[in-house]
Amino acid sequence: MEGIEDADPRGGSGARSGGHELERREWRLVERWLVFLFAISLISISVIALTLAALPLR
């Protein structure tokens, strides 16, 4: 069809995959937060364990 140009140069399939890219980026952000919270919890548990281990020595 002449005269009809697609606004998105990637075409229809590229426009559909754009939503998937947004979801993928969003899950990457969630994954980073989960890893961060896991690391903080490990550090906190280690500090509590070291504190409890050092209590009888006082």
PDB file of N, CA and C in Angstrom:
ATOM      1  N   MET A   1       0.841  -1.176   0.000  1.00  0.00           N
ATOM      2  CA  MET A   1       0.000   0.000   0.000  1.00  0.00           C
ATOM      3  C   MET A   1       0.885   1.237   0.000  1.00  0.00           C
ATOM      4  N   GLU A   2       0.749   2.011  -1.012  1.00  0.00           N
ATOM      5  CA  GLU A   2       1.562   3.203  -1.113  1.00  0.00           C
ATOM      6  C   GLU A   2       0.988   4.312  -0.251  1.00  0.00           C
ATOM      7  N   GLY A   3       1.860   5.112   0.273  1.00  0.00           N
ATOM      8  CA  GLY A   3       1.435   6.261   1.043  1.00  0.00           C
ATOM      9  C   GLY A   3       1.257   5.985   2.524  1.00  0.00           C
ATOM     10  N   ILE A   4       1.212   4.733   2.915  1.00  0.00           N
ATOM     11  CA  ILE A   4       1.074   4.410   4.337  1.00  0.00           C
ATOM     12  C   ILE A   4       2.453   4.031   4.856  1.00  0.00           C
ATOM     13  N   GLU A   5       2.949   4.829   5.752  1.00  0.00           N
ATOM     14  CA  GLU A   5       4.265   4.570   6.318  1.00  0.00           C
ATOM     15  C   GLU A   5       4.107   4.218   7.784  1.00  0.00           C
ATOM     16  N   ASP A   6       4.906   3.294   8.184  1.00  0.00           N
ATOM     17  CA  ASP A   6       4.892   2.879   9.581  1.00  0.00           C
ATOM     18  C   ASP A   6       5.652   3.912  10.408  1.00  0.00           C
ATOM     19  N   ALA A   7       5.064   4.362  11.504  1.00  0.00           N
ATOM     20  CA  ALA A   7       5.729   5.350  12.359  1.00  0.00           C
ATOM     21  C   ALA A   7       6.944   4.737  13.042  1.00  0.00           C
ATOM     22  N   ASP A   8       6.887   3.449  13.305  1.00  0.00           N
ATOM     23  CA  ASP A   8       7.989   2.745  13.953  1.00  0.00           C
ATOM     24  C   ASP A   8       8.812   2.044  12.880  1.00  0.00           C
ATOM     25  N   PRO A   9      10.077   2.417  12.698  1.00  0.00           N
ATOM     26  CA  PRO A   9      10.871   1.800  11.631  1.00  0.00           C
ATOM     27  C   PRO A   9      11.115   0.304  11.842  1.00  0.00           C
ATOM     28  N   ARG A  10      10.922  -0.196  13.072  1.00  0.00           N
ATOM     29  CA  ARG A  10      11.139  -1.624  13.332  1.00  0.00           C
ATOM     30  C   ARG A  10      10.000  -2.468  12.790  1.00  0.00           C
ATOM     31  N   GLY A  11       8.864  -1.865  12.541  1.00  0.00           N
ATOM     32  CA  GLY A  11       7.723  -2.611  12.036  1.00  0.00           C
ATOM     33  C   GLY A  11       6.843  -3.085  13.169  1.00  0.00           C
ATOM     34  N   GLY A  12       5.842  -3.879  12.806  1.00  0.00           N
ATOM     35  CA  GLY A  12       4.871  -4.334  13.791  1.00  0.00           C
ATOM     36  C   GLY A  12       5.475  -5.251  14.833  1.00  0.00           C
ATOM     37  N   SER A  13       6.352  -6.152  14.410  1.00  0.00           N
ATOM     38  CA  SER A  13       6.922  -7.098  15.380  1.00  0.00           C
ATOM     39  C   SER A  13       7.830  -6.382  16.366  1.00  0.00           C
ATOM     40  N   GLY A  14       8.510  -5.352  15.905  1.00  0.00           N
ATOM     41  CA  GLY A  14       9.370  -4.590  16.813  1.00  0.00           C
ATOM     42  C   GLY A  14       8.565  -3.812  17.825  1.00  0.00           C
ATOM     43  N   ALA A  15       7.409  -3.319  17.402  1.00  0.00           N
ATOM     44  CA  ALA A  15       6.558  -2.574  18.328  1.00  0.00           C
ATOM     45  C   ALA A  15       6.004  -3.504  19.405  1.00  0.00           C
ATOM     46  N   ARG A  16       5.689  -4.732  19.015  1.00  0.00           N
ATOM     47  CA  ARG A  16       5.174  -5.684  20.003  1.00  0.00           C
ATOM     48  C   ARG A  16       6.259  -6.090  20.980  1.00  0.00           C
ATOM     49  N   SER A  17       7.501  -6.234  20.502  1.00  0.00           N
ATOM     50  CA  SER A  17       8.571  -6.662  21.405  1.00  0.00           C
ATOM     51  C   SER A  17       9.019  -5.519  22.320  1.00  0.00           C
ATOM     52  N   GLY A  18       8.638  -4.285  22.018  1.00  0.00           N
ATOM     53  CA  GLY A  18       9.005  -3.166  22.884  1.00  0.00           C
ATOM     54  C   GLY A  18       8.396  -3.305  24.258  1.00  0.00           C
ATOM     55  N   GLY A  19       7.186  -3.821  24.333  1.00  0.00           N
ATOM     56  CA  GLY A  19       6.547  -4.057  25.622  1.00  0.00           C
ATOM     57  C   GLY A  19       7.262  -5.131  26.407  1.00  0.00           C
ATOM     58  N   HIS A  20       7.739  -6.137  25.708  1.00  0.00           N
ATOM     59  CA  HIS A  20       8.488  -7.204  26.387  1.00  0.00           C
ATOM     60  C   HIS A  20       9.810  -6.679  26.931  1.00  0.00           C
ATOM     61  N   GLU A  21      10.413  -5.763  26.188  1.00  0.00           N
ATOM     62  CA  GLU A  21      11.672  -5.174  26.667  1.00  0.00           C
ATOM     63  C   GLU A  21      11.435  -4.379  27.950  1.00  0.00           C
ATOM     64  N   LEU A  22      10.302  -3.686  28.024  1.00  0.00           N
ATOM     65  CA  LEU A  22       9.971  -2.931  29.224  1.00  0.00           C
ATOM     66  C   LEU A  22       9.768  -3.873  30.403  1.00  0.00           C
ATOM     67  N   GLU A  23       9.069  -4.989  30.168  1.00  0.00           N
ATOM     68  CA  GLU A  23       8.867  -5.971  31.236  1.00  0.00           C
ATOM     69  C   GLU A  23      10.187  -6.577  31.669  1.00  0.00           C
ATOM     70  N   ARG A  24      11.058  -6.886  30.711  1.00  0.00           N
ATOM     71  CA  ARG A  24      12.351  -7.471  31.029  1.00  0.00           C
ATOM     72  C   ARG A  24      13.188  -6.511  31.887  1.00  0.00           C
ATOM     73  N   ARG A  25      13.170  -5.224  31.518  1.00  0.00           N
ATOM     74  CA  ARG A  25      13.924  -4.225  32.276  1.00  0.00           C
ATOM     75  C   ARG A  25      13.356  -4.088  33.683  1.00  0.00           C
ATOM     76  N   GLU A  26      12.029  -4.143  33.784  1.00  0.00           N
ATOM     77  CA  GLU A  26      11.382  -4.037  35.091  1.00  0.00           C
ATOM     78  C   GLU A  26      11.765  -5.212  35.987  1.00  0.00           C
ATOM     79  N   TRP A  27      11.795  -6.423  35.428  1.00  0.00           N
ATOM     80  CA  TRP A  27      12.167  -7.587  36.228  1.00  0.00           C
ATOM     81  C   TRP A  27      13.636  -7.548  36.616  1.00  0.00           C
ATOM     82  N   ARG A  28      14.488  -6.968  35.727  1.00  0.00           N
ATOM     83  CA  ARG A  28      15.898  -6.816  36.095  1.00  0.00           C
ATOM     84  C   ARG A  28      16.036  -5.901  37.306  1.00  0.00           C
ATOM     85  N   LEU A  29      15.224  -4.842  37.348  1.00  0.00           N
ATOM     86  CA  LEU A  29      15.252  -3.927  38.481  1.00  0.00           C
ATOM     87  C   LEU A  29      14.788  -4.629  39.750  1.00  0.00           C
ATOM     88  N   VAL A  30      13.728  -5.427  39.649  1.00  0.00           N
ATOM     89  CA  VAL A  30      13.240  -6.190  40.800  1.00  0.00           C
ATOM     90  C   VAL A  30      14.300  -7.175  41.265  1.00  0.00           C
ATOM     91  N   GLU A  31      14.960  -7.819  40.293  1.00  0.00           N
ATOM     92  CA  GLU A  31      16.005  -8.786  40.645  1.00  0.00           C
ATOM     93  C   GLU A  31      17.153  -8.109  41.388  1.00  0.00           C
ATOM     94  N   ARG A  32      17.543  -6.920  40.948  1.00  0.00           N
ATOM     95  CA  ARG A  32      18.628  -6.200  41.636  1.00  0.00           C
ATOM     96  C   ARG A  32      18.246  -5.856  43.070  1.00  0.00           C
ATOM     97  N   TRP A  33      16.988  -5.421  43.274  1.00  0.00           N
ATOM     98  CA  TRP A  33      16.529  -5.111  44.624  1.00  0.00           C
ATOM     99  C   TRP A  33      16.515  -6.356  45.498  1.00  0.00           C
ATOM    100  N   LEU A  34      16.093  -7.489  44.931  1.00  0.00           N
ATOM    101  CA  LEU A  34      16.078  -8.728  45.710  1.00  0.00           C
ATOM    102  C   LEU A  34      17.487  -9.165  46.098  1.00  0.00           C
ATOM    103  N   VAL A  35      18.422  -9.040  45.176  1.00  0.00           N
ATOM    104  CA  VAL A  35      19.816  -9.380  45.485  1.00  0.00           C
ATOM    105  C   VAL A  35      20.355  -8.436  46.559  1.00  0.00           C
ATOM    106  N   PHE A  36      20.027  -7.146  46.444  1.00  0.00           N
ATOM    107  CA  PHE A  36      20.471  -6.167  47.437  1.00  0.00           C
ATOM    108  C   PHE A  36      19.909  -6.500  48.821  1.00  0.00           C
ATOM    109  N   LEU A  37      18.614  -6.789  48.885  1.00  0.00           N
ATOM    110  CA  LEU A  37      18.002  -7.126  50.174  1.00  0.00           C
ATOM    111  C   LEU A  37      18.565  -8.425  50.749  1.00  0.00           C
ATOM    112  N   PHE A  38      18.848  -9.396  49.889  1.00  0.00           N
ATOM    113  CA  PHE A  38      19.445 -10.654  50.339  1.00  0.00           C
ATOM    114  C   PHE A  38      20.831 -10.397  50.929  1.00  0.00           C
ATOM    115  N   ALA A  39      21.628  -9.572  50.260  1.00  0.00           N
ATOM    116  CA  ALA A  39      22.974  -9.265  50.762  1.00  0.00           C
ATOM    117  C   ALA A  39      22.898  -8.523  52.095  1.00  0.00           C
ATOM    118  N   ILE A  40      21.995  -7.570  52.213  1.00  0.00           N
ATOM    119  CA  ILE A  40      21.833  -6.827  53.467  1.00  0.00           C
ATOM    120  C   ILE A  40      21.403  -7.772  54.588  1.00  0.00           C
ATOM    121  N   SER A  41      20.502  -8.701  54.285  1.00  0.00           N
ATOM    122  CA  SER A  41      20.061  -9.640  55.325  1.00  0.00           C
ATOM    123  C   SER A  41      21.199 -10.565  55.743  1.00  0.00           C
ATOM    124  N   LEU A  42      22.033 -11.004  54.789  1.00  0.00           N
ATOM    125  CA  LEU A  42      23.183 -11.835  55.157  1.00  0.00           C
ATOM    126  C   LEU A  42      24.157 -11.078  56.050  1.00  0.00           C
ATOM    127  N   ILE A  43      24.417  -9.835  55.724  1.00  0.00           N
ATOM    128  CA  ILE A  43      25.324  -9.018  56.541  1.00  0.00           C
ATOM    129  C   ILE A  43      24.727  -8.814  57.926  1.00  0.00           C
ATOM    130  N   SER A  44      23.428  -8.542  57.987  1.00  0.00           N
ATOM    131  CA  SER A  44      22.776  -8.325  59.288  1.00  0.00           C
ATOM    132  C   SER A  44      22.827  -9.579  60.154  1.00  0.00           C
ATOM    133  N   ILE A  45      22.548 -10.721  59.564  1.00  0.00           N
ATOM    134  CA  ILE A  45      22.591 -11.978  60.324  1.00  0.00           C
ATOM    135  C   ILE A  45      24.010 -12.260  60.799  1.00  0.00           C
ATOM    136  N   SER A  46      24.998 -11.959  59.965  1.00  0.00           N
ATOM    137  CA  SER A  46      26.393 -12.178  60.364  1.00  0.00           C
ATOM    138  C   SER A  46      26.781 -11.273  61.531  1.00  0.00           C
ATOM    139  N   VAL A  47      26.350 -10.027  61.492  1.00  0.00           N
ATOM    140  CA  VAL A  47      26.660  -9.092  62.574  1.00  0.00           C
ATOM    141  C   VAL A  47      25.981  -9.548  63.867  1.00  0.00           C
ATOM    142  N   ILE A  48      24.737  -9.982  63.779  1.00  0.00           N
ATOM    143  CA  ILE A  48      24.028 -10.475  64.973  1.00  0.00           C
ATOM    144  C   ILE A  48      24.711 -11.719  65.523  1.00  0.00           C
ATOM    145  N   ALA A  49      25.126 -12.632  64.640  1.00  0.00           N
ATOM    146  CA  ALA A  49      25.804 -13.848  65.084  1.00  0.00           C
ATOM    147  C   ALA A  49      27.135 -13.524  65.755  1.00  0.00           C
ATOM    148  N   LEU A  50      27.891 -12.600  65.193  1.00  0.00           N
ATOM    149  CA  LEU A  50      29.170 -12.204  65.800  1.00  0.00           C
ATOM    150  C   LEU A  50      28.951 -11.522  67.145  1.00  0.00           C
ATOM    151  N   THR A  51      27.903 -10.712  67.238  1.00  0.00           N
ATOM    152  CA  THR A  51      27.580 -10.047  68.505  1.00  0.00           C
ATOM    153  C   THR A  51      27.232 -11.076  69.580  1.00  0.00           C
ATOM    154  N   LEU A  52      26.407 -12.038  69.221  1.00  0.00           N
ATOM    155  CA  LEU A  52      26.030 -13.081  70.195  1.00  0.00           C
ATOM    156  C   LEU A  52      27.213 -13.949  70.574  1.00  0.00           C
ATOM    157  N   ALA A  53      28.104 -14.197  69.633  1.00  0.00           N
ATOM    158  CA  ALA A  53      29.284 -15.002  69.930  1.00  0.00           C
ATOM    159  C   ALA A  53      30.252 -14.258  70.841  1.00  0.00           C
ATOM    160  N   ALA A  54      30.288 -12.937  70.763  1.00  0.00           N
ATOM    161  CA  ALA A  54      31.206 -12.169  71.567  1.00  0.00           C
ATOM    162  C   ALA A  54      30.662 -11.849  72.957  1.00  0.00           C
ATOM    163  N   LEU A  55      29.382 -12.038  73.197  1.00  0.00           N
ATOM    164  CA  LEU A  55      28.785 -11.709  74.484  1.00  0.00           C
ATOM    165  C   LEU A  55      29.410 -12.481  75.672  1.00  0.00           C
ATOM    166  N   PRO A  56      29.597 -13.779  75.597  1.00  0.00           N
ATOM    167  CA  PRO A  56      30.178 -14.475  76.757  1.00  0.00           C
ATOM    168  C   PRO A  56      31.624 -14.055  77.085  1.00  0.00           C
ATOM    169  N   LEU A  57      32.304 -13.439  76.148  1.00  0.00           N
ATOM    170  CA  LEU A  57      33.698 -13.059  76.373  1.00  0.00           C
ATOM    171  C   LEU A  57      33.822 -11.790  77.214  1.00  0.00           C
ATOM    172  N   ARG A  58      32.750 -11.044  77.393  1.00  0.00           N
ATOM    173  CA  ARG A  58      32.827  -9.786  78.142  1.00  0.00           C
ATOM    174  C   ARG A  58      32.972 -10.004  79.599  1.00  0.00           C
TER     175      ARG A  58
END
